[in-house]
Amino acid sequence: MVLLGAFQSGWDLALIVFGLHLFVLGILVFRSGKSGLRVLGILVIAAGLGYLVDGCGKLLVPTYSLTVAMYTFIGEVLLMFWLLWKGIRGFAPKATAQAKAFA
């Protein structure tokens, strides 16, 4: 049981690191300049804050039982689908056309 508790503490610490990652990524998406991406950036920031609250709450308060990230994860999911959409539409043909123009 001690090892199980240690694993859970490590998992909660990893949630904090992941929350920080999402927070910074959300700020970068927000600052990208496009109006549609600003909403996505705000949602990703909210997802990061949800993970931060849950991770810190579980590490600092032994009886913490809230699951904020369960409601804020939507930004993370939307970012995943946006990245897939951009990947399917493709940036490669444009990049290779520009590279040929400079060659």
PDB file of N, CA and C in Angstrom:
ATOM      1  N   MET A   1       0.824  -1.195   0.000  1.00  0.00           N
ATOM      2  CA  MET A   1       0.000   0.000   0.000  1.00  0.00           C
ATOM      3  C   MET A   1       0.868   1.259   0.000  1.00  0.00           C
ATOM      4  N   VAL A   2       2.038   1.163   0.602  1.00  0.00           N
ATOM      5  CA  VAL A   2       2.940   2.317   0.608  1.00  0.00           C
ATOM      6  C   VAL A   2       3.363   2.650  -0.825  1.00  0.00           C
ATOM      7  N   LEU A   3       3.678   1.629  -1.603  1.00  0.00           N
ATOM      8  CA  LEU A   3       4.075   1.859  -2.992  1.00  0.00           C
ATOM      9  C   LEU A   3       2.917   2.404  -3.820  1.00  0.00           C
ATOM     10  N   LEU A   4       1.713   1.974  -3.513  1.00  0.00           N
ATOM     11  CA  LEU A   4       0.548   2.500  -4.220  1.00  0.00           C
ATOM     12  C   LEU A   4       0.345   3.983  -3.904  1.00  0.00           C
ATOM     13  N   GLY A   5       0.541   4.352  -2.644  1.00  0.00           N
ATOM     14  CA  GLY A   5       0.450   5.756  -2.248  1.00  0.00           C
ATOM     15  C   GLY A   5       1.536   6.595  -2.901  1.00  0.00           C
ATOM     16  N   ALA A   6       2.747   6.035  -3.014  1.00  0.00           N
ATOM     17  CA  ALA A   6       3.847   6.747  -3.662  1.00  0.00           C
ATOM     18  C   ALA A   6       3.551   6.945  -5.150  1.00  0.00           C
ATOM     19  N   PHE A   7       2.968   5.925  -5.783  1.00  0.00           N
ATOM     20  CA  PHE A   7       2.599   6.063  -7.189  1.00  0.00           C
ATOM     21  C   PHE A   7       1.563   7.165  -7.364  1.00  0.00           C
ATOM     22  N   GLN A   8       0.579   7.217  -6.482  1.00  0.00           N
ATOM     23  CA  GLN A   8      -0.466   8.234  -6.586  1.00  0.00           C
ATOM     24  C   GLN A   8       0.111   9.634  -6.395  1.00  0.00           C
ATOM     25  N   SER A   9       1.054   9.784  -5.482  1.00  0.00           N
ATOM     26  CA  SER A   9       1.703  11.091  -5.293  1.00  0.00           C
ATOM     27  C   SER A   9       2.495  11.493  -6.530  1.00  0.00           C
ATOM     28  N   GLY A  10       3.189  10.540  -7.138  1.00  0.00           N
ATOM     29  CA  GLY A  10       3.912  10.818  -8.374  1.00  0.00           C
ATOM     30  C   GLY A  10       2.977  11.181  -9.509  1.00  0.00           C
ATOM     31  N   TRP A  11       1.834  10.506  -9.573  1.00  0.00           N
ATOM     32  CA  TRP A  11       0.835  10.807 -10.601  1.00  0.00           C
ATOM     33  C   TRP A  11       0.299  12.225 -10.429  1.00  0.00           C
ATOM     34  N   ASP A  12       0.029  12.613  -9.186  1.00  0.00           N
ATOM     35  CA  ASP A  12      -0.474  13.961  -8.919  1.00  0.00           C
ATOM     36  C   ASP A  12       0.567  15.020  -9.253  1.00  0.00           C
ATOM     37  N   LEU A  13       1.815  14.729  -9.001  1.00  0.00           N
ATOM     38  CA  LEU A  13       2.893  15.642  -9.369  1.00  0.00           C
ATOM     39  C   LEU A  13       2.990  15.770 -10.890  1.00  0.00           C
ATOM     40  N   ALA A  14       2.812  14.663 -11.593  1.00  0.00           N
ATOM     41  CA  ALA A  14       2.828  14.701 -13.058  1.00  0.00           C
ATOM     42  C   ALA A  14       1.649  15.512 -13.597  1.00  0.00           C
ATOM     43  N   LEU A  15       0.501  15.474 -12.924  1.00  0.00           N
ATOM     44  CA  LEU A  15      -0.639  16.289 -13.331  1.00  0.00           C
ATOM     45  C   LEU A  15      -0.320  17.775 -13.229  1.00  0.00           C
ATOM     46  N   ILE A  16       0.439  18.144 -12.223  1.00  0.00           N
ATOM     47  CA  ILE A  16       0.835  19.541 -12.068  1.00  0.00           C
ATOM     48  C   ILE A  16       1.737  19.960 -13.225  1.00  0.00           C
ATOM     49  N   VAL A  17       2.701  19.120 -13.573  1.00  0.00           N
ATOM     50  CA  VAL A  17       3.603  19.429 -14.685  1.00  0.00           C
ATOM     51  C   VAL A  17       2.819  19.503 -15.998  1.00  0.00           C
ATOM     52  N   PHE A  18       1.885  18.565 -16.203  1.00  0.00           N
ATOM     53  CA  PHE A  18       1.070  18.582 -17.408  1.00  0.00           C
ATOM     54  C   PHE A  18       0.175  19.816 -17.450  1.00  0.00           C
ATOM     55  N   GLY A  19      -0.344  20.211 -16.297  1.00  0.00           N
ATOM     56  CA  GLY A  19      -1.158  21.425 -16.223  1.00  0.00           C
ATOM     57  C   GLY A  19      -0.353  22.662 -16.581  1.00  0.00           C
ATOM     58  N   LEU A  20       0.882  22.742 -16.110  1.00  0.00           N
ATOM     59  CA  LEU A  20       1.753  23.863 -16.476  1.00  0.00           C
ATOM     60  C   LEU A  20       2.029  23.871 -17.982  1.00  0.00           C
ATOM     61  N   HIS A  21       2.244  22.679 -18.530  1.00  0.00           N
ATOM     62  CA  HIS A  21       2.466  22.563 -19.971  1.00  0.00           C
ATOM     63  C   HIS A  21       1.253  23.077 -20.746  1.00  0.00           C
ATOM     64  N   LEU A  22       0.059  22.660 -20.372  1.00  0.00           N
ATOM     65  CA  LEU A  22      -1.142  23.116 -21.059  1.00  0.00           C
ATOM     66  C   LEU A  22      -1.355  24.614 -20.885  1.00  0.00           C
ATOM     67  N   PHE A  23      -1.047  25.132 -19.721  1.00  0.00           N
ATOM     68  CA  PHE A  23      -1.201  26.565 -19.469  1.00  0.00           C
ATOM     69  C   PHE A  23      -0.317  27.378 -20.408  1.00  0.00           C
ATOM     70  N   VAL A  24       0.955  26.997 -20.520  1.00  0.00           N
ATOM     71  CA  VAL A  24       1.884  27.712 -21.401  1.00  0.00           C
ATOM     72  C   VAL A  24       1.472  27.533 -22.864  1.00  0.00           C
ATOM     73  N   LEU A  25       1.066  26.329 -23.238  1.00  0.00           N
ATOM     74  CA  LEU A  25       0.611  26.086 -24.606  1.00  0.00           C
ATOM     75  C   LEU A  25      -0.627  26.917 -24.931  1.00  0.00           C
ATOM     76  N   GLY A  26      -1.532  27.031 -23.975  1.00  0.00           N
ATOM     77  CA  GLY A  26      -2.723  27.848 -24.171  1.00  0.00           C
ATOM     78  C   GLY A  26      -2.381  29.319 -24.370  1.00  0.00           C
ATOM     79  N   ILE A  27      -1.401  29.802 -23.631  1.00  0.00           N
ATOM     80  CA  ILE A  27      -0.967  31.193 -23.802  1.00  0.00           C
ATOM     81  C   ILE A  27      -0.381  31.395 -25.194  1.00  0.00           C
ATOM     82  N   LEU A  28       0.404  30.438 -25.667  1.00  0.00           N
ATOM     83  CA  LEU A  28       0.977  30.551 -27.008  1.00  0.00           C
ATOM     84  C   LEU A  28      -0.102  30.518 -28.083  1.00  0.00           C
ATOM     85  N   VAL A  29      -1.096  29.656 -27.914  1.00  0.00           N
ATOM     86  CA  VAL A  29      -2.194  29.595 -28.887  1.00  0.00           C
ATOM     87  C   VAL A  29      -2.983  30.904 -28.846  1.00  0.00           C
ATOM     88  N   PHE A  30      -3.228  31.418 -27.652  1.00  0.00           N
ATOM     89  CA  PHE A  30      -3.979  32.668 -27.506  1.00  0.00           C
ATOM     90  C   PHE A  30      -3.255  33.825 -28.176  1.00  0.00           C
ATOM     91  N   ARG A  31      -1.956  33.876 -28.044  1.00  0.00           N
ATOM     92  CA  ARG A  31      -1.170  34.986 -28.584  1.00  0.00           C
ATOM     93  C   ARG A  31      -0.846  34.823 -30.059  1.00  0.00           C
ATOM     94  N   SER A  32      -1.342  33.763 -30.697  1.00  0.00           N
ATOM     95  CA  SER A  32      -1.036  33.535 -32.108  1.00  0.00           C
ATOM     96  C   SER A  32      -1.662  34.584 -33.014  1.00  0.00           C
ATOM     97  N   GLY A  33      -2.688  35.299 -32.533  1.00  0.00           N
ATOM     98  CA  GLY A  33      -3.213  36.425 -33.277  1.00  0.00           C
ATOM     99  C   GLY A  33      -4.537  36.207 -33.963  1.00  0.00           C
ATOM    100  N   LYS A  34      -4.901  34.981 -34.269  1.00  0.00           N
ATOM    101  CA  LYS A  34      -6.159  34.732 -34.963  1.00  0.00           C
ATOM    102  C   LYS A  34      -7.300  34.697 -33.956  1.00  0.00           C
ATOM    103  N   SER A  35      -8.444  35.279 -34.319  1.00  0.00           N
ATOM    104  CA  SER A  35      -9.549  35.402 -33.367  1.00  0.00           C
ATOM    105  C   SER A  35     -10.141  34.049 -32.991  1.00  0.00           C
ATOM    106  N   GLY A  36     -10.236  33.112 -33.932  1.00  0.00           N
ATOM    107  CA  GLY A  36     -10.770  31.790 -33.617  1.00  0.00           C
ATOM    108  C   GLY A  36      -9.864  31.013 -32.682  1.00  0.00           C
ATOM    109  N   LEU A  37      -8.569  31.242 -32.819  1.00  0.00           N
ATOM    110  CA  LEU A  37      -7.620  30.545 -31.956  1.00  0.00           C
ATOM    111  C   LEU A  37      -7.577  31.137 -30.555  1.00  0.00           C
ATOM    112  N   ARG A  38      -8.021  32.351 -30.394  1.00  0.00           N
ATOM    113  CA  ARG A  38      -8.050  32.948 -29.053  1.00  0.00           C
ATOM    114  C   ARG A  38      -9.014  32.181 -28.145  1.00  0.00           C
ATOM    115  N   VAL A  39     -10.152  31.784 -28.698  1.00  0.00           N
ATOM    116  CA  VAL A  39     -11.111  30.996 -27.909  1.00  0.00           C
ATOM    117  C   VAL A  39     -10.502  29.648 -27.547  1.00  0.00           C
ATOM    118  N   LEU A  40      -9.847  29.019 -28.508  1.00  0.00           N
ATOM    119  CA  LEU A  40      -9.180  27.745 -28.247  1.00  0.00           C
ATOM    120  C   LEU A  40      -8.086  27.917 -27.203  1.00  0.00           C
ATOM    121  N   GLY A  41      -7.335  29.003 -27.286  1.00  0.00           N
ATOM    122  CA  GLY A  41      -6.294  29.266 -26.295  1.00  0.00           C
ATOM    123  C   GLY A  41      -6.857  29.419 -24.891  1.00  0.00           C
ATOM    124  N   ILE A  42      -7.982  30.117 -24.772  1.00  0.00           N
ATOM    125  CA  ILE A  42      -8.615  30.284 -23.462  1.00  0.00           C
ATOM    126  C   ILE A  42      -9.075  28.935 -22.913  1.00  0.00           C
ATOM    127  N   LEU A  43      -9.622  28.088 -23.773  1.00  0.00           N
ATOM    128  CA  LEU A  43     -10.080  26.767 -23.326  1.00  0.00           C
ATOM    129  C   LEU A  43      -8.905  25.879 -22.913  1.00  0.00           C
ATOM    130  N   VAL A  44      -7.781  25.983 -23.618  1.00  0.00           N
ATOM    131  CA  VAL A  44      -6.596  25.197 -23.247  1.00  0.00           C
ATOM    132  C   VAL A  44      -6.009  25.716 -21.933  1.00  0.00           C
ATOM    133  N   ILE A  45      -6.020  27.028 -21.737  1.00  0.00           N
ATOM    134  CA  ILE A  45      -5.571  27.595 -20.456  1.00  0.00           C
ATOM    135  C   ILE A  45      -6.464  27.087 -19.320  1.00  0.00           C
ATOM    136  N   ALA A  46      -7.770  27.051 -19.561  1.00  0.00           N
ATOM    137  CA  ALA A  46      -8.702  26.543 -18.540  1.00  0.00           C
ATOM    138  C   ALA A  46      -8.430  25.080 -18.228  1.00  0.00           C
ATOM    139  N   ALA A  47      -8.106  24.292 -19.254  1.00  0.00           N
ATOM    140  CA  ALA A  47      -7.779  22.877 -19.026  1.00  0.00           C
ATOM    141  C   ALA A  47      -6.514  22.753 -18.178  1.00  0.00           C
ATOM    142  N   GLY A  48      -5.521  23.569 -18.490  1.00  0.00           N
ATOM    143  CA  GLY A  48      -4.288  23.551 -17.698  1.00  0.00           C
ATOM    144  C   GLY A  48      -4.529  23.942 -16.258  1.00  0.00           C
ATOM    145  N   LEU A  49      -5.358  24.954 -16.048  1.00  0.00           N
ATOM    146  CA  LEU A  49      -5.673  25.361 -14.675  1.00  0.00           C
ATOM    147  C   LEU A  49      -6.445  24.270 -13.935  1.00  0.00           C
ATOM    148  N   GLY A  50      -7.311  23.558 -14.650  1.00  0.00           N
ATOM    149  CA  GLY A  50      -8.036  22.451 -14.022  1.00  0.00           C
ATOM    150  C   GLY A  50      -7.095  21.364 -13.535  1.00  0.00           C
ATOM    151  N   TYR A  51      -6.123  20.998 -14.368  1.00  0.00           N
ATOM    152  CA  TYR A  51      -5.134  19.998 -13.947  1.00  0.00           C
ATOM    153  C   TYR A  51      -4.276  20.519 -12.797  1.00  0.00           C
ATOM    154  N   LEU A  52      -3.915  21.801 -12.837  1.00  0.00           N
ATOM    155  CA  LEU A  52      -3.127  22.374 -11.745  1.00  0.00           C
ATOM    156  C   LEU A  52      -3.889  22.347 -10.428  1.00  0.00           C
ATOM    157  N   VAL A  53      -5.162  22.719 -10.471  1.00  0.00           N
ATOM    158  CA  VAL A  53      -5.973  22.726  -9.250  1.00  0.00           C
ATOM    159  C   VAL A  53      -6.110  21.311  -8.701  1.00  0.00           C
ATOM    160  N   ASP A  54      -6.398  20.350  -9.565  1.00  0.00           N
ATOM    161  CA  ASP A  54      -6.547  18.967  -9.093  1.00  0.00           C
ATOM    162  C   ASP A  54      -5.243  18.403  -8.553  1.00  0.00           C
ATOM    163  N   GLY A  55      -4.139  18.642  -9.270  1.00  0.00           N
ATOM    164  CA  GLY A  55      -2.852  18.108  -8.823  1.00  0.00           C
ATOM    165  C   GLY A  55      -2.394  18.714  -7.506  1.00  0.00           C
ATOM    166  N   CYS A  56      -2.484  20.039  -7.396  1.00  0.00           N
ATOM    167  CA  CYS A  56      -2.082  20.701  -6.147  1.00  0.00           C
ATOM    168  C   CYS A  56      -3.026  20.337  -5.007  1.00  0.00           C
ATOM    169  N   GLY A  57      -4.302  20.259  -5.302  1.00  0.00           N
ATOM    170  CA  GLY A  57      -5.270  19.913  -4.260  1.00  0.00           C
ATOM    171  C   GLY A  57      -5.019  18.528  -3.681  1.00  0.00           C
ATOM    172  N   LYS A  58      -4.714  17.564  -4.564  1.00  0.00           N
ATOM    173  CA  LYS A  58      -4.470  16.198  -4.096  1.00  0.00           C
ATOM    174  C   LYS A  58      -3.160  16.083  -3.326  1.00  0.00           C
ATOM    175  N   LEU A  59      -2.162  16.876  -3.712  1.00  0.00           N
ATOM    176  CA  LEU A  59      -0.892  16.814  -2.993  1.00  0.00           C
ATOM    177  C   LEU A  59      -0.931  17.556  -1.659  1.00  0.00           C
ATOM    178  N   LEU A  60      -1.692  18.648  -1.600  1.00  0.00           N
ATOM    179  CA  LEU A  60      -1.684  19.480  -0.401  1.00  0.00           C
ATOM    180  C   LEU A  60      -2.765  19.121   0.607  1.00  0.00           C
ATOM    181  N   VAL A  61      -3.894  18.611   0.134  1.00  0.00           N
ATOM    182  CA  VAL A  61      -5.011  18.300   1.025  1.00  0.00           C
ATOM    183  C   VAL A  61      -5.318  16.801   0.921  1.00  0.00           C
ATOM    184  N   PRO A  62      -5.093  16.044   1.971  1.00  0.00           N
ATOM    185  CA  PRO A  62      -5.303  14.588   1.902  1.00  0.00           C
ATOM    186  C   PRO A  62      -6.749  14.179   1.575  1.00  0.00           C
ATOM    187  N   THR A  63      -7.707  15.000   1.953  1.00  0.00           N
ATOM    188  CA  THR A  63      -9.106  14.639   1.724  1.00  0.00           C
ATOM    189  C   THR A  63      -9.693  15.342   0.498  1.00  0.00           C
ATOM    190  N   TYR A  64      -8.856  15.776  -0.416  1.00  0.00           N
ATOM    191  CA  TYR A  64      -9.317  16.481  -1.620  1.00  0.00           C
ATOM    192  C   TYR A  64     -10.122  15.518  -2.494  1.00  0.00           C
ATOM    193  N   SER A  65     -11.325  15.916  -2.875  1.00  0.00           N
ATOM    194  CA  SER A  65     -12.165  15.012  -3.662  1.00  0.00           C
ATOM    195  C   SER A  65     -12.772  15.675  -4.892  1.00  0.00           C
ATOM    196  N   LEU A  66     -12.425  16.920  -5.183  1.00  0.00           N
ATOM    197  CA  LEU A  66     -12.952  17.576  -6.376  1.00  0.00           C
ATOM    198  C   LEU A  66     -12.249  17.053  -7.628  1.00  0.00           C
ATOM    199  N   THR A  67     -12.931  17.124  -8.739  1.00  0.00           N
ATOM    200  CA  THR A  67     -12.315  16.778 -10.014  1.00  0.00           C
ATOM    201  C   THR A  67     -12.612  17.910 -11.000  1.00  0.00           C
ATOM    202  N   VAL A  68     -11.874  18.978 -10.870  1.00  0.00           N
ATOM    203  CA  VAL A  68     -12.066  20.160 -11.711  1.00  0.00           C
ATOM    204  C   VAL A  68     -11.721  19.845 -13.159  1.00  0.00           C
ATOM    205  N   ALA A  69     -10.682  19.050 -13.379  1.00  0.00           N
ATOM    206  CA  ALA A  69     -10.236  18.748 -14.736  1.00  0.00           C
ATOM    207  C   ALA A  69     -11.281  17.972 -15.528  1.00  0.00           C
ATOM    208  N   MET A  70     -12.205  17.330 -14.847  1.00  0.00           N
ATOM    209  CA  MET A  70     -13.253  16.593 -15.546  1.00  0.00           C
ATOM    210  C   MET A  70     -14.154  17.549 -16.322  1.00  0.00           C
ATOM    211  N   TYR A  71     -14.213  18.801 -15.922  1.00  0.00           N
ATOM    212  CA  TYR A  71     -15.061  19.785 -16.588  1.00  0.00           C
ATOM    213  C   TYR A  71     -14.278  20.736 -17.480  1.00  0.00           C
ATOM    214  N   THR A  72     -12.970  20.804 -17.319  1.00  0.00           N
ATOM    215  CA  THR A  72     -12.179  21.764 -18.083  1.00  0.00           C
ATOM    216  C   THR A  72     -11.369  21.121 -19.207  1.00  0.00           C
ATOM    217  N   PHE A  73     -11.483  19.824 -19.411  1.00  0.00           N
ATOM    218  CA  PHE A  73     -10.658  19.134 -20.393  1.00  0.00           C
ATOM    219  C   PHE A  73     -11.071  19.421 -21.837  1.00  0.00           C
ATOM    220  N   ILE A  74     -12.189  20.081 -22.053  1.00  0.00           N
ATOM    221  CA  ILE A  74     -12.705  20.288 -23.405  1.00  0.00           C
ATOM    222  C   ILE A  74     -11.712  21.047 -24.286  1.00  0.00           C
ATOM    223  N   GLY A  75     -10.959  21.966 -23.705  1.00  0.00           N
ATOM    224  CA  GLY A  75      -9.957  22.693 -24.485  1.00  0.00           C
ATOM    225  C   GLY A  75      -8.865  21.777 -25.003  1.00  0.00           C
ATOM    226  N   GLU A  76      -8.498  20.808 -24.200  1.00  0.00           N
ATOM    227  CA  GLU A  76      -7.489  19.842 -24.597  1.00  0.00           C
ATOM    228  C   GLU A  76      -7.987  18.997 -25.777  1.00  0.00           C
ATOM    229  N   VAL A  77      -9.235  18.586 -25.736  1.00  0.00           N
ATOM    230  CA  VAL A  77      -9.824  17.776 -26.804  1.00  0.00           C
ATOM    231  C   VAL A  77      -9.960  18.602 -28.085  1.00  0.00           C
ATOM    232  N   LEU A  78     -10.424  19.843 -27.947  1.00  0.00           N
ATOM    233  CA  LEU A  78     -10.553  20.704 -29.124  1.00  0.00           C
ATOM    234  C   LEU A  78      -9.200  20.994 -29.768  1.00  0.00           C
ATOM    235  N   LEU A  79      -8.159  21.163 -28.959  1.00  0.00           N
ATOM    236  CA  LEU A  79      -6.821  21.372 -29.499  1.00  0.00           C
ATOM    237  C   LEU A  79      -6.368  20.146 -30.288  1.00  0.00           C
ATOM    238  N   MET A  80      -6.657  18.962 -29.781  1.00  0.00           N
ATOM    239  CA  MET A  80      -6.288  17.737 -30.477  1.00  0.00           C
ATOM    240  C   MET A  80      -6.975  17.669 -31.850  1.00  0.00           C
ATOM    241  N   PHE A  81      -8.280  17.951 -31.897  1.00  0.00           N
ATOM    242  CA  PHE A  81      -8.996  17.903 -33.168  1.00  0.00           C
ATOM    243  C   PHE A  81      -8.543  19.014 -34.114  1.00  0.00           C
ATOM    244  N   TRP A  82      -8.210  20.185 -33.585  1.00  0.00           N
ATOM    245  CA  TRP A  82      -7.718  21.274 -34.428  1.00  0.00           C
ATOM    246  C   TRP A  82      -6.379  20.889 -35.055  1.00  0.00           C
ATOM    247  N   LEU A  83      -5.494  20.283 -34.254  1.00  0.00           N
ATOM    248  CA  LEU A  83      -4.205  19.851 -34.787  1.00  0.00           C
ATOM    249  C   LEU A  83      -4.376  18.767 -35.841  1.00  0.00           C
ATOM    250  N   LEU A  84      -5.304  17.832 -35.615  1.00  0.00           N
ATOM    251  CA  LEU A  84      -5.580  16.801 -36.616  1.00  0.00           C
ATOM    252  C   LEU A  84      -6.132  17.422 -37.895  1.00  0.00           C
ATOM    253  N   TRP A  85      -7.042  18.380 -37.755  1.00  0.00           N
ATOM    254  CA  TRP A  85      -7.618  19.046 -38.924  1.00  0.00           C
ATOM    255  C   TRP A  85      -6.540  19.765 -39.727  1.00  0.00           C
ATOM    256  N   LYS A  86      -5.681  20.479 -39.049  1.00  0.00           N
ATOM    257  CA  LYS A  86      -4.604  21.185 -39.742  1.00  0.00           C
ATOM    258  C   LYS A  86      -3.640  20.196 -40.391  1.00  0.00           C
ATOM    259  N   GLY A  87      -3.406  19.067 -39.747  1.00  0.00           N
ATOM    260  CA  GLY A  87      -2.525  18.051 -40.319  1.00  0.00           C
ATOM    261  C   GLY A  87      -3.125  17.384 -41.535  1.00  0.00           C
ATOM    262  N   ILE A  88      -4.438  17.152 -41.521  1.00  0.00           N
ATOM    263  CA  ILE A  88      -5.099  16.525 -42.662  1.00  0.00           C
ATOM    264  C   ILE A  88      -5.132  17.486 -43.847  1.00  0.00           C
ATOM    265  N   ARG A  89      -5.443  18.751 -43.578  1.00  0.00           N
ATOM    266  CA  ARG A  89      -5.473  19.752 -44.652  1.00  0.00           C
ATOM    267  C   ARG A  89      -4.083  19.968 -45.214  1.00  0.00           C
ATOM    268  N   GLY A  90      -3.098  19.832 -44.367  1.00  0.00           N
ATOM    269  CA  GLY A  90      -1.712  19.814 -44.815  1.00  0.00           C
ATOM    270  C   GLY A  90      -1.065  21.180 -44.977  1.00  0.00           C
ATOM    271  N   PHE A  91       0.106  21.293 -44.388  1.00  0.00           N
ATOM    272  CA  PHE A  91       0.949  22.453 -44.576  1.00  0.00           C
ATOM    273  C   PHE A  91       2.096  22.115 -45.526  1.00  0.00           C
ATOM    274  N   ALA A  92       2.368  20.841 -45.738  1.00  0.00           N
ATOM    275  CA  ALA A  92       3.537  20.410 -46.507  1.00  0.00           C
ATOM    276  C   ALA A  92       3.531  20.913 -47.945  1.00  0.00           C
ATOM    277  N   PRO A  93       2.449  20.826 -48.710  1.00  0.00           N
ATOM    278  CA  PRO A  93       2.514  21.306 -50.089  1.00  0.00           C
ATOM    279  C   PRO A  93       2.869  22.789 -50.193  1.00  0.00           C
ATOM    280  N   LYS A  94       2.347  23.604 -49.285  1.00  0.00           N
ATOM    281  CA  LYS A  94       2.668  25.022 -49.305  1.00  0.00           C
ATOM    282  C   LYS A  94       4.128  25.254 -48.987  1.00  0.00           C
ATOM    283  N   ALA A  95       4.639  24.504 -48.013  1.00  0.00           N
ATOM    284  CA  ALA A  95       6.044  24.660 -47.612  1.00  0.00           C
ATOM    285  C   ALA A  95       6.976  24.241 -48.729  1.00  0.00           C
ATOM    286  N   THR A  96       6.658  23.144 -49.429  1.00  0.00           N
ATOM    287  CA  THR A  96       7.533  22.714 -50.500  1.00  0.00           C
ATOM    288  C   THR A  96       7.467  23.664 -51.691  1.00  0.00           C
ATOM    289  N   ALA A  97       6.288  24.250 -51.946  1.00  0.00           N
ATOM    290  CA  ALA A  97       6.169  25.218 -53.030  1.00  0.00           C
ATOM    291  C   ALA A  97       7.009  26.453 -52.735  1.00  0.00           C
ATOM    292  N   GLN A  98       7.004  26.901 -51.498  1.00  0.00           N
ATOM    293  CA  GLN A  98       7.820  28.052 -51.124  1.00  0.00           C
ATOM    294  C   GLN A  98       9.299  27.721 -51.206  1.00  0.00           C
ATOM    295  N   ALA A  99       9.653  26.505 -50.801  1.00  0.00           N
ATOM    296  CA  ALA A  99      11.052  26.103 -50.841  1.00  0.00           C
ATOM    297  C   ALA A  99      11.540  26.045 -52.286  1.00  0.00           C
ATOM    298  N   LYS A 100      10.683  25.584 -53.223  1.00  0.00           N
ATOM    299  CA  LYS A 100      11.072  25.529 -54.631  1.00  0.00           C
ATOM    300  C   LYS A 100      11.220  26.931 -55.213  1.00  0.00           C
ATOM    301  N   ALA A 101      10.406  27.864 -54.735  1.00  0.00           N
ATOM    302  CA  ALA A 101      10.478  29.224 -55.259  1.00  0.00           C
ATOM    303  C   ALA A 101      11.806  29.895 -54.875  1.00  0.00           C
ATOM    304  N   PHE A 102      12.341  29.529 -53.700  1.00  0.00           N
ATOM    305  CA  PHE A 102      13.584  30.135 -53.244  1.00  0.00           C
ATOM    306  C   PHE A 102      14.809  29.401 -53.793  1.00  0.00           C
ATOM    307  N   ALA A 103      14.619  28.217 -54.349  1.00  0.00           N
ATOM    308  CA  ALA A 103      15.770  27.412 -54.810  1.00  0.00           C
ATOM    309  C   ALA A 103      16.276  27.843 -56.141  1.00  0.00           C
TER     310      ALA A 103
END
